[in-house]
Protein backbone atom coordinates (compact mmCIF):
# COMPACT_ATOMS: atom_id res chain seq x y z
CA UNK A 1 -33.43 73.94 3.83
CA UNK A 2 -36.40 72.33 2.07
CA UNK A 3 -34.74 72.62 -1.37
CA UNK A 4 -31.57 71.05 0.02
CA UNK A 5 -33.56 68.04 1.30
CA UNK A 6 -35.27 67.60 -2.06
CA UNK A 7 -31.93 67.77 -3.87
CA UNK A 8 -30.38 65.29 -1.43
CA UNK A 9 -33.29 62.87 -1.85
CA UNK A 10 -33.10 63.30 -5.62
CA UNK A 11 -29.36 62.53 -5.61
CA UNK A 12 -29.85 59.42 -3.48
CA UNK A 13 -32.68 58.26 -5.72
CA UNK A 14 -30.43 58.65 -8.76
CA UNK A 15 -27.65 56.66 -7.11
CA UNK A 16 -30.13 53.98 -6.10
CA UNK A 17 -31.54 53.67 -9.62
CA UNK A 18 -28.08 53.46 -11.18
CA UNK A 19 -27.03 50.82 -8.69
CA UNK A 20 -30.22 48.82 -9.22
CA UNK A 21 -29.72 48.97 -13.00
CA UNK A 22 -26.14 47.77 -12.70
CA UNK A 23 -27.11 44.93 -10.38
CA UNK A 24 -29.96 43.87 -12.63
CA UNK A 25 -27.68 43.79 -15.67
CA UNK A 26 -25.13 41.80 -13.72
CA UNK A 27 -27.69 39.33 -12.42
CA UNK A 28 -29.20 38.95 -15.93
CA UNK A 29 -25.78 37.98 -17.25
CA UNK A 30 -25.17 35.63 -14.34
CA UNK A 31 -28.55 33.96 -14.92
CA UNK A 32 -27.83 33.63 -18.65
CA UNK A 33 -24.44 32.04 -17.96
CA UNK A 34 -25.87 29.66 -15.37
CA UNK A 35 -28.60 28.53 -17.74
CA UNK A 36 -26.11 28.09 -20.58
CA UNK A 37 -23.80 26.08 -18.33
CA UNK A 38 -26.69 23.86 -17.26
CA UNK A 39 -27.67 23.26 -20.89
CA UNK A 40 -24.06 22.49 -21.82
CA UNK A 41 -23.93 19.92 -19.02
CA UNK A 42 -27.12 18.37 -20.36
CA UNK A 43 -25.39 18.01 -23.74
CA UNK A 44 -22.99 15.58 -22.08
CA UNK A 45 -25.96 13.23 -21.56
CA UNK A 46 -26.55 13.04 -25.32
CA UNK A 47 -24.99 10.28 -27.42
CA UNK A 48 -21.41 11.24 -28.33
CA UNK A 49 -22.15 11.93 -32.02
CA UNK A 50 -24.81 14.50 -31.02
CA UNK A 51 -22.84 16.28 -28.28
CA UNK A 52 -20.99 18.72 -30.57
CA UNK A 53 -24.22 19.87 -32.23
CA UNK A 54 -25.87 20.22 -28.84
CA UNK A 55 -23.00 22.32 -27.43
CA UNK A 56 -22.98 24.57 -30.51
CA UNK A 57 -26.55 25.63 -29.69
CA UNK A 58 -25.50 27.05 -26.33
CA UNK A 59 -22.14 28.74 -26.94
CA UNK A 60 -23.43 32.24 -27.76
CA UNK A 61 -21.66 34.87 -25.63
CA UNK A 62 -23.90 36.99 -23.42
CA UNK A 63 -23.00 40.22 -25.24
CA UNK A 64 -24.21 38.77 -28.55
CA UNK A 65 -27.35 37.37 -26.93
CA UNK A 66 -28.14 40.76 -25.37
CA UNK A 67 -27.58 42.59 -28.68
CA UNK A 68 -29.91 40.20 -30.51
CA UNK A 69 -32.49 40.43 -27.72
CA UNK A 70 -32.50 44.23 -27.91
CA UNK A 71 -32.81 44.17 -31.70
CA UNK A 72 -35.78 41.83 -31.44
CA UNK A 73 -37.40 44.04 -28.79
CA UNK A 74 -37.04 47.08 -31.06
CA UNK A 75 -38.58 45.18 -33.97
CA UNK A 76 -41.75 44.50 -31.94
């Protein structure tokens, strides 16, 4: 009975950690997109000739950002 309880707790802990990881990844992407959208809106406040350059700074897809972030973290 005791081993069954330990295994059950271990299984639930695994499910919890996987769910937490998935939610964190999702919320990181949502935060990234919200920040990018906010910055893109700020570009609209720039003089028209500068808007295209401003927007170009914030059009990196999340997947590319995450890949570059992980590469930089490994380099440290």
